Protein backbone atom coordinates (compact mmCIF):
# COMPACT_ATOMS: atom_id res chain seq x y z
CA UNK A 1 -13.58 70.23 9.15
CA UNK A 2 -13.82 66.88 10.70
CA UNK A 3 -14.12 67.21 14.57
CA UNK A 4 -13.83 63.56 15.19
CA UNK A 5 -10.45 63.18 13.45
CA UNK A 6 -8.48 62.85 16.68
CA UNK A 7 -10.93 60.34 18.00
CA UNK A 8 -10.74 57.93 15.04
CA UNK A 9 -7.94 55.19 15.76
CA UNK A 10 -5.37 55.07 13.38
CA UNK A 11 -3.13 52.29 14.29
CA UNK A 12 -1.45 50.45 11.27
CA UNK A 13 -0.91 47.25 13.53
CA UNK A 14 -4.62 46.93 13.68
CA UNK A 15 -5.03 46.56 10.26
CA UNK A 16 -4.12 42.79 10.02
CA UNK A 17 -5.89 39.96 8.47
CA UNK A 18 -6.69 38.53 11.85
CA UNK A 19 -8.24 41.79 13.22
CA UNK A 20 -10.27 42.35 10.06
CA UNK A 21 -11.72 38.67 10.10
CA UNK A 22 -12.52 39.26 13.84
CA UNK A 23 -14.52 42.52 12.86
CA UNK A 24 -16.16 40.85 9.93
CA UNK A 25 -17.39 38.22 12.14
CA UNK A 26 -18.58 40.36 14.82
CA UNK A 27 -20.68 42.42 12.04
CA UNK A 28 -22.03 39.37 10.47
CA UNK A 29 -23.13 38.00 13.75
CA UNK A 30 -24.90 41.16 14.72
CA UNK A 31 -26.56 41.31 11.37
CA UNK A 32 -27.81 37.86 11.60
CA UNK A 33 -29.19 38.40 14.91
CA UNK A 34 -31.02 41.73 14.07
CA UNK A 35 -32.17 39.87 10.71
CA UNK A 36 -33.35 36.64 12.71
CA UNK A 37 -35.43 38.95 14.93
CA UNK A 38 -37.01 41.04 12.19
CA UNK A 39 -37.82 37.95 10.04
CA UNK A 40 -39.64 36.22 13.11
CA UNK A 41 -41.52 39.45 13.75
CA UNK A 42 -42.47 39.75 10.19
CA UNK A 43 -43.38 35.94 9.97
CA UNK A 44 -45.40 35.95 12.95
CA UNK A 45 -47.35 39.35 11.94
CA UNK A 46 -48.17 37.96 8.52
CA UNK A 47 -49.07 34.48 9.78
CA UNK A 48 -51.85 36.25 12.52
CA UNK A 49 -55.47 36.87 11.28
CA UNK A 50 -55.54 40.00 13.59
CA UNK A 51 -52.16 41.54 12.49
CA UNK A 52 -53.10 45.03 13.77
CA UNK A 53 -53.48 43.74 17.24
CA UNK A 54 -50.32 41.27 16.82
CA UNK A 55 -48.35 44.36 16.12
CA UNK A 56 -49.56 46.38 19.01
CA UNK A 57 -49.13 43.65 21.43
CA UNK A 58 -46.21 41.95 20.28
CA UNK A 59 -43.15 41.98 22.51
CA UNK A 60 -40.53 41.24 20.07
CA UNK A 61 -40.87 44.81 18.19
CA UNK A 62 -40.31 46.44 21.40
CA UNK A 63 -37.29 44.24 22.08
CA UNK A 64 -35.96 45.26 18.58
CA UNK A 65 -36.35 48.94 19.13
CA UNK A 66 -34.83 48.70 22.55
CA UNK A 67 -31.88 46.71 21.05
CA UNK A 68 -31.36 49.53 18.43
CA UNK A 69 -31.58 52.30 21.22
CA UNK A 70 -29.01 50.45 23.39
CA UNK A 71 -26.81 49.91 20.43
CA UNK A 72 -26.90 53.45 19.62
CA UNK A 73 -26.22 54.70 23.30
CA UNK A 74 -23.45 52.49 23.42
CA UNK A 75 -21.49 53.50 20.53
CA UNK A 76 -22.26 57.22 21.45
CA UNK A 77 -20.94 56.64 25.03
CA UNK A 78 -17.69 54.76 23.47
CA UNK A 79 -17.10 57.88 21.27
CA UNK A 80 -17.47 60.20 24.04
CA UNK A 81 -15.02 58.23 26.17
CA UNK A 82 -12.66 57.91 23.43
CA UNK A 83 -12.76 61.88 22.88
CA UNK A 84 -12.30 62.28 26.83
CA UNK A 85 -9.04 60.18 26.71
CA UNK A 86 -7.69 61.86 23.88
CA UNK A 87 -8.23 65.42 25.25
CA UNK A 88 -6.87 64.05 28.69
CA UNK A 89 -3.70 62.66 26.91
CA UNK A 90 -3.19 65.94 24.94
CA UNK A 91 -3.55 67.97 28.05
CA UNK A 92 -1.03 65.47 29.99
CA UNK A 93 1.56 65.79 26.98
CA UNK A 94 1.18 69.41 26.69
CA UNK A 95 1.72 70.21 30.25
CA UNK A 96 4.59 67.70 30.30
CA UNK A 97 6.21 69.56 27.26
CA UNK A 98 5.59 73.19 28.95
CA UNK A 99 7.76 71.68 32.17
CA UNK A 100 10.47 70.39 30.02
CA UNK A 101 10.54 73.95 28.42
CA UNK A 102 10.85 75.71 31.64
CA UNK A 103 13.50 73.16 33.12
CA UNK A 104 15.56 73.84 29.76
CA UNK A 105 15.46 77.69 30.20
CA UNK A 106 16.30 77.67 33.83
C-alpha cells in the first residue's frame, strides 16, 4: 500500500502547459548547474598532474556533495511538511464533521 498517496498533490488545474513548462525549465536549469559542476571538477582533475592530491584537496567535490545532501534534506522536509498539513486538515475536517452530526442529533 502506498502510504504517501495522500501527500501527493493531485490538482487538475496544475496540469496546464504553463505549469509543465515552468517545472521543465526548473529541472533543466538544475541539471545544467549540476552537470557544469561535475564537468568542471572532472576537467580540473584530469588536467592536473597529481590527480589524487587534487581530488583530496579540491573544494568543488565537497560543494557538490553538500549540494546533494541539502537538496535531499529540503525535499524530505517538504514532504514531511505536506504530510503534516494533510493530517492537520484531516483532523480539522473530521472534528467539524463530528460536531455537525452532534448538532443534527440535538
